[in-house]
Amino acid sequence: MSHEEDKKFASKVCKRDKKALSEFYDLISDEIFYLASKYNYGRVKDDYWQYELKDPKKFHKKKGHKIRVNDAVADDSLWFFEEGVKKACKYEGVAPLINFITFTLFRDWTRKNYIRHKTGITGYLPKLIQELSDSHKEVFKLLAQQKTKETIMIKLDISQVEYAGYYNDIEKALIKSNMLDIIRPFQFIELSSGTRQKDEGEAYEPRSSNIDMDDELLLDTIEDFITEEIDRLLNKEKRLLMLYWGKNISAKKIFSLFNKNEMFSNYMSIFSIKNEKDVLSAIGKVEYKLYTAFNKKREDLYDSTIDRKLFRKILKHYFIYIDKNEYK
């Protein structure tokens, strides 16, 4: 459909025309079931039916990929559908309707609305949080509200040591559930104040290795691609990224390691390293190499909104939580 036809269709959806709603449901059913299944990851084991994706390619899945649907997934798919209807009311015809709806459903604000919905309507607590003590649950609720450590300690009358214990347990549980972003939103900080490399952009280092839940969905769609492209790198390139991101070793310490250890002497010449800034430059070049490969295949992947900052964040998450090879 043309953008004008999309606008007319979106208007009918917004007015809840029955025929338009039925067609709209068919249009975004892959998206809403995919999202609902991801937000219920690991919790669908019994009493489910299977939804087969109409277009698995956009999620980087194999043909015939099926999603398990129980009552919780079905309920959440309807919630995402209603969110899509709300977004249709704001459609202005700048891009194709399906692109606009998909973009908004996978964005951070929809994730936050979903969490508010689950928390407010059902008293939602992640499954692994439910298994902790009542005190843990109280700390979690305040953390989810972005309350400071000091506020939580005063409100619950607990010591700093007690707070640290509760927080560590909660953090571990949320990492296992891929939901750490509920209590620790992602932030970017500048990696270095050095000059920008030609054609390679400005380097940024994610403060946290944990990605937001909506970005976790993006990672799922491109994980096979990332694995494939990393396999194409030289072992020395892989090891450089693993040391910096996977092992969290600073550029200064990497330079010292390469400079003092004969085992790594050839790294100095291969990457033209003379100081720690050159280490950052080498890391940036390898990361840029991967991002360039990603750009060439961008159209074959589901989400076209991944910029270089987000790609770097996903790479760091990949080396810490998914790829634990040493690449010696």
Protein backbone atom coordinates (compact mmCIF):
# COMPACT_ATOMS: atom_id res chain seq x y z
CA MET A 1 0.00 0.00 0.00
CA SER A 2 1.04 3.60 -0.56
CA HIS A 3 1.60 5.89 2.44
CA GLU A 4 -1.78 7.55 1.79
CA GLU A 5 -3.50 4.17 1.75
CA ASP A 6 -1.64 3.28 4.94
CA LYS A 7 -2.92 6.48 6.56
CA LYS A 8 -6.52 5.65 5.65
CA PHE A 9 -6.09 2.11 6.95
CA ALA A 10 -4.48 3.32 10.19
CA SER A 11 -7.36 5.75 10.68
CA LYS A 12 -9.86 2.89 10.41
CA VAL A 13 -7.81 0.85 12.88
CA CYS A 14 -7.78 3.78 15.29
CA LYS A 15 -11.56 4.06 15.01
CA ARG A 16 -11.71 0.31 15.74
CA ASP A 17 -13.42 -0.64 12.50
CA LYS A 18 -13.95 -4.41 12.85
CA LYS A 19 -12.67 -5.35 9.39
CA ALA A 20 -9.65 -3.07 9.73
CA LEU A 21 -8.83 -4.46 13.19
CA SER A 22 -8.96 -8.01 11.82
CA GLU A 23 -6.62 -7.10 8.95
CA PHE A 24 -4.32 -5.20 11.34
CA TYR A 25 -4.12 -8.22 13.65
CA ASP A 26 -3.12 -10.37 10.70
CA LEU A 27 -0.54 -7.75 9.68
CA ILE A 28 1.29 -7.61 13.03
CA SER A 29 0.55 -11.07 14.47
CA ASP A 30 4.17 -12.21 13.99
CA GLU A 31 5.43 -9.20 15.92
CA ILE A 32 3.03 -9.45 18.85
CA PHE A 33 3.50 -13.19 19.37
CA TYR A 34 7.27 -12.87 19.01
CA LEU A 35 7.40 -10.12 21.63
CA ALA A 36 4.99 -11.89 23.98
CA SER A 37 7.07 -15.07 23.83
CA LYS A 38 10.31 -13.18 24.50
CA TYR A 39 8.87 -11.44 27.56
CA ASN A 40 7.78 -14.84 28.86
CA TYR A 41 11.06 -16.54 28.00
CA GLY A 42 11.61 -19.78 29.93
CA ARG A 43 8.15 -19.73 31.49
CA VAL A 44 6.18 -21.62 28.82
CA LYS A 45 6.52 -25.32 29.56
CA ASP A 46 3.08 -26.91 29.81
CA ASP A 47 -0.40 -26.45 28.34
CA TYR A 48 0.59 -24.51 25.26
CA TRP A 49 -0.23 -24.39 21.56
CA GLN A 50 2.14 -23.33 18.78
CA TYR A 51 2.03 -20.26 16.58
CA GLU A 52 4.02 -20.54 13.35
CA LEU A 53 5.70 -17.35 12.15
CA LYS A 54 4.47 -16.23 8.73
CA ASP A 55 7.75 -14.51 7.92
CA PRO A 56 10.55 -15.99 10.10
CA LYS A 57 13.23 -14.24 8.02
CA LYS A 58 12.59 -10.89 9.68
CA PHE A 59 13.41 -12.46 13.05
CA HIS A 60 16.38 -14.33 11.59
CA LYS A 61 14.64 -17.63 12.31
CA LYS A 62 14.40 -20.81 10.25
CA LYS A 63 11.36 -21.52 8.11
CA GLY A 64 8.62 -23.15 10.11
CA HIS A 65 9.77 -21.62 13.39
CA LYS A 66 7.04 -22.01 15.99
CA ILE A 67 6.30 -20.04 19.14
CA ARG A 68 4.88 -21.71 22.23
CA VAL A 69 1.72 -19.94 23.35
CA ASN A 70 0.14 -20.46 26.77
CA ASP A 71 -2.40 -18.22 28.52
CA ALA A 72 0.27 -15.72 29.61
CA VAL A 73 1.73 -15.38 26.10
CA ALA A 74 -1.76 -15.08 24.59
CA ASP A 75 -2.71 -12.35 27.08
CA ASP A 76 0.52 -10.46 26.43
CA SER A 77 0.09 -10.76 22.65
CA LEU A 78 -3.27 -9.02 23.01
CA TRP A 79 -1.63 -6.31 25.12
CA PHE A 80 0.96 -5.73 22.39
CA PHE A 81 -1.82 -5.71 19.79
CA GLU A 82 -3.63 -2.95 21.69
CA GLU A 83 -0.36 -1.02 21.89
CA GLY A 84 -0.12 -1.36 18.13
CA VAL A 85 -3.64 0.04 17.76
CA LYS A 86 -2.68 3.03 19.91
CA LYS A 87 0.38 3.64 17.75
CA ALA A 88 -1.73 3.41 14.59
CA CYS A 89 -3.64 6.44 15.89
CA LYS A 90 -0.37 8.42 15.79
CA TYR A 91 0.67 7.30 12.31
CA GLU A 92 1.40 10.22 9.98
CA GLY A 93 2.41 8.41 6.81
CA VAL A 94 6.13 9.24 6.88
CA ALA A 95 7.15 5.56 6.56
CA PRO A 96 5.24 2.37 5.69
CA LEU A 97 2.73 1.57 8.45
CA ILE A 98 4.21 -1.85 9.26
CA ASN A 99 7.67 -0.30 9.70
CA PHE A 100 6.28 2.39 11.98
CA ILE A 101 4.32 -0.09 14.13
CA THR A 102 7.23 -2.53 14.33
CA PHE A 103 9.67 0.21 15.31
CA THR A 104 7.44 1.46 18.13
CA LEU A 105 6.59 -2.01 19.48
CA PHE A 106 10.29 -2.88 19.82
CA ARG A 107 11.32 0.39 21.45
CA ASP A 108 12.21 1.14 25.05
CA TRP A 109 9.04 3.06 25.86
CA THR A 110 6.86 0.07 24.93
CA ARG A 111 8.98 -2.18 27.14
CA LYS A 112 8.52 0.25 30.03
CA ASN A 113 4.77 0.40 29.45
CA TYR A 114 4.71 -3.41 29.43
CA ILE A 115 6.56 -3.61 32.75
CA ARG A 116 4.21 -1.01 34.28
CA HIS A 117 1.26 -3.03 33.00
CA LYS A 118 2.53 -6.30 34.45
CA THR A 119 3.57 -4.71 37.73
CA GLY A 120 0.44 -2.61 38.20
CA ILE A 121 -2.16 -5.12 37.04
CA THR A 122 -0.78 -8.40 38.35
CA GLY A 123 1.75 -7.36 41.01
CA TYR A 124 4.34 -8.77 38.61
CA LEU A 125 7.66 -10.01 39.93
CA PRO A 126 10.18 -11.89 37.76
CA LYS A 127 10.04 -15.62 38.57
CA LEU A 128 13.51 -15.78 40.13
CA ILE A 129 12.70 -12.73 42.30
CA GLN A 130 9.60 -14.55 43.54
CA GLU A 131 11.88 -17.28 44.88
CA LEU A 132 13.79 -14.81 47.08
CA SER A 133 12.81 -13.57 50.55
CA ASP A 134 10.16 -10.93 51.25
CA SER A 135 12.95 -8.47 52.05
CA HIS A 136 14.50 -9.09 48.65
CA LYS A 137 11.13 -8.42 47.03
CA GLU A 138 10.75 -5.12 48.87
CA VAL A 139 14.23 -4.03 47.80
CA PHE A 140 13.48 -5.07 44.21
CA LYS A 141 10.26 -3.04 44.08
CA LEU A 142 12.09 0.08 45.21
CA LEU A 143 14.95 -0.55 42.79
CA ALA A 144 12.43 -0.93 39.97
CA GLN A 145 11.11 2.52 40.93
CA GLN A 146 14.69 3.82 40.50
CA LYS A 147 15.03 4.69 44.19
CA THR A 148 18.56 5.39 45.39
CA LYS A 149 20.52 3.08 47.68
CA GLU A 150 20.28 5.62 50.51
CA THR A 151 16.49 5.96 50.11
CA ILE A 152 16.04 2.18 50.17
CA MET A 153 18.23 1.77 53.26
CA ILE A 154 16.28 4.43 55.15
CA LYS A 155 12.84 3.26 54.01
CA LEU A 156 13.47 -0.40 54.87
CA ASP A 157 15.73 0.33 57.86
CA ILE A 158 18.57 -1.85 56.62
CA SER A 159 22.36 -1.45 56.80
CA GLN A 160 24.69 -0.95 53.85
CA VAL A 161 25.94 -4.52 54.23
CA GLU A 162 22.36 -5.87 54.18
CA TYR A 163 21.53 -3.73 51.15
CA ALA A 164 24.60 -5.02 49.29
CA GLY A 165 23.56 -8.62 50.01
CA TYR A 166 20.00 -8.08 48.79
CA TYR A 167 21.18 -6.18 45.71
CA ASN A 168 23.69 -8.84 44.67
CA ASP A 169 21.07 -11.60 44.93
CA ILE A 170 18.55 -9.53 42.95
CA GLU A 171 21.14 -8.64 40.31
CA LYS A 172 22.07 -12.30 39.78
CA ALA A 173 18.41 -13.29 39.48
CA LEU A 174 17.68 -10.56 36.94
CA ILE A 175 20.73 -11.41 34.84
CA LYS A 176 19.50 -15.01 34.59
CA SER A 177 16.08 -13.67 33.54
CA ASN A 178 17.57 -11.19 31.02
CA MET A 179 15.81 -8.39 32.92
CA LEU A 180 18.62 -6.51 34.65
CA ASP A 181 17.60 -3.30 32.88
CA ILE A 182 14.56 -3.07 35.19
CA ILE A 183 16.82 -1.86 37.98
CA ARG A 184 19.87 -0.67 36.04
CA PRO A 185 19.11 1.32 32.87
CA PHE A 186 21.81 1.35 30.23
CA GLN A 187 24.02 4.42 29.81
CA PHE A 188 26.81 5.38 27.42
CA ILE A 189 30.01 7.10 28.45
CA GLU A 190 32.79 8.32 26.22
CA LEU A 191 35.62 5.84 25.89
CA SER A 192 38.42 8.29 25.22
CA SER A 193 39.02 11.95 24.54
CA GLY A 194 41.34 11.11 21.66
CA THR A 195 40.78 12.23 18.08
CA ARG A 196 38.14 10.55 15.97
CA GLN A 197 39.46 7.98 13.54
CA LYS A 198 38.78 8.61 9.90
CA ASP A 199 35.63 6.82 8.69
CA GLU A 200 35.34 4.99 11.99
CA GLY A 201 33.29 7.36 14.14
CA GLU A 202 33.74 8.30 17.77
CA ALA A 203 34.48 5.53 20.23
CA TYR A 204 32.08 4.94 23.13
CA GLU A 205 32.25 2.35 25.84
CA PRO A 206 29.02 1.00 27.38
CA ARG A 207 29.11 1.54 31.15
CA SER A 208 27.12 -1.64 31.64
CA SER A 209 27.49 -4.92 29.79
CA ASN A 210 23.79 -5.62 30.27
CA ILE A 211 21.48 -4.64 27.47
CA ASP A 212 17.88 -3.49 27.75
CA MET A 213 15.18 -6.08 27.20
CA ASP A 214 14.15 -4.60 23.86
CA ASP A 215 17.79 -4.66 22.76
CA GLU A 216 17.98 -8.27 23.97
CA LEU A 217 15.29 -8.96 21.37
CA LEU A 218 17.44 -7.28 18.74
CA LEU A 219 20.42 -9.39 19.80
CA ASP A 220 18.32 -12.51 19.35
CA THR A 221 17.56 -11.51 15.76
CA ILE A 222 21.21 -10.91 14.81
CA GLU A 223 23.08 -13.37 17.08
CA ASP A 224 23.65 -15.88 14.27
CA PHE A 225 25.00 -13.09 12.09
CA ILE A 226 27.36 -11.84 14.82
CA THR A 227 28.65 -15.37 15.46
CA GLU A 228 29.24 -15.90 11.75
CA GLU A 229 31.12 -12.61 11.30
CA ILE A 230 33.23 -13.07 14.44
CA ASP A 231 34.24 -16.49 13.12
CA ARG A 232 35.63 -14.67 10.07
CA LEU A 233 37.97 -12.55 12.20
CA LEU A 234 41.58 -13.46 12.81
CA ASN A 235 42.12 -15.15 16.18
CA LYS A 236 44.21 -12.18 17.27
CA GLU A 237 41.33 -9.82 16.46
CA LYS A 238 38.93 -12.00 18.42
CA ARG A 239 41.32 -12.17 21.37
CA LEU A 240 41.70 -8.38 21.41
CA LEU A 241 37.93 -7.92 21.74
CA MET A 242 37.71 -10.77 24.26
CA LEU A 243 40.40 -9.24 26.48
CA TYR A 244 38.85 -5.77 26.39
CA TRP A 245 35.16 -6.62 26.61
CA GLY A 246 34.95 -10.26 27.69
CA LYS A 247 37.64 -10.01 30.40
CA ASN A 248 37.11 -6.30 31.12
CA ILE A 249 40.85 -5.55 30.90
CA SER A 250 41.69 -1.88 30.37
CA ALA A 251 43.57 -0.62 27.32
CA LYS A 252 46.46 0.35 29.61
CA LYS A 253 46.76 -3.19 30.99
CA ILE A 254 46.40 -4.75 27.53
CA PHE A 255 49.24 -2.56 26.28
CA SER A 256 51.37 -3.60 29.24
CA LEU A 257 50.54 -7.27 28.60
CA PHE A 258 51.46 -7.05 24.92
CA ASN A 259 54.58 -5.00 25.62
CA LYS A 260 56.06 -7.21 28.36
CA ASN A 261 55.02 -10.69 27.29
CA GLU A 262 56.94 -12.21 24.37
CA MET A 263 53.94 -14.39 23.63
CA PHE A 264 52.08 -11.24 22.50
CA SER A 265 54.96 -9.39 20.84
CA ASN A 266 53.53 -9.95 17.35
CA TYR A 267 50.31 -8.20 18.41
CA MET A 268 52.27 -4.96 18.66
CA SER A 269 53.31 -5.09 15.01
CA ILE A 270 50.07 -6.55 13.60
CA PHE A 271 47.94 -3.82 15.20
CA SER A 272 50.63 -1.08 15.00
CA ILE A 273 50.50 -0.59 18.78
CA LYS A 274 52.98 1.82 20.35
CA ASN A 275 50.90 3.03 23.31
CA GLU A 276 47.56 2.43 25.05
CA LYS A 277 45.73 4.80 22.69
CA ASP A 278 46.76 2.52 19.84
CA VAL A 279 45.07 -0.34 21.70
CA LEU A 280 41.80 1.63 21.65
CA SER A 281 42.35 2.39 17.98
CA ALA A 282 42.89 -1.29 17.20
CA ILE A 283 39.74 -2.28 19.09
CA GLY A 284 37.79 0.41 17.23
CA LYS A 285 39.03 -0.86 13.87
CA VAL A 286 38.03 -4.46 14.57
CA GLU A 287 34.62 -3.37 15.86
CA TYR A 288 34.21 -1.12 12.79
CA LYS A 289 35.09 -4.07 10.56
CA LEU A 290 32.22 -6.05 12.10
CA TYR A 291 29.83 -3.10 11.89
CA THR A 292 30.67 -2.58 8.20
CA ALA A 293 29.85 -6.24 7.55
CA PHE A 294 26.60 -5.77 9.47
CA ASN A 295 25.68 -2.73 7.36
CA LYS A 296 26.09 -4.74 4.16
CA LYS A 297 23.59 -7.32 5.39
CA ARG A 298 21.32 -4.89 7.24
CA GLU A 299 18.41 -5.35 4.82
CA ASP A 300 18.35 -9.09 5.48
CA LEU A 301 18.00 -8.56 9.22
CA TYR A 302 14.85 -7.67 11.07
CA ASP A 303 15.66 -4.32 12.73
CA SER A 304 17.24 -1.56 10.67
CA THR A 305 17.49 0.85 13.61
CA ILE A 306 20.73 -0.56 15.08
CA ASP A 307 23.28 2.25 14.99
CA ARG A 308 26.96 1.87 15.77
CA LYS A 309 26.56 2.69 19.48
CA LEU A 310 23.92 0.02 19.94
CA PHE A 311 25.92 -2.43 17.81
CA ARG A 312 28.94 -1.89 20.09
CA LYS A 313 26.80 -2.44 23.17
CA ILE A 314 25.44 -5.69 21.71
CA LEU A 315 28.98 -6.84 20.88
CA LYS A 316 30.15 -6.25 24.45
CA HIS A 317 27.16 -8.19 25.81
CA TYR A 318 27.97 -10.98 23.32
CA PHE A 319 31.59 -11.36 24.45
CA ILE A 320 30.67 -11.37 28.15
CA TYR A 321 27.60 -13.60 28.22
CA ILE A 322 27.62 -15.66 25.02
CA ASP A 323 31.10 -16.11 23.57
CA LYS A 324 33.47 -17.15 26.36
CA ASN A 325 36.26 -18.50 24.12
CA GLU A 326 39.81 -17.50 24.99
CA TYR A 327 41.01 -17.34 21.33
CA LYS A 328 44.57 -18.21 22.26
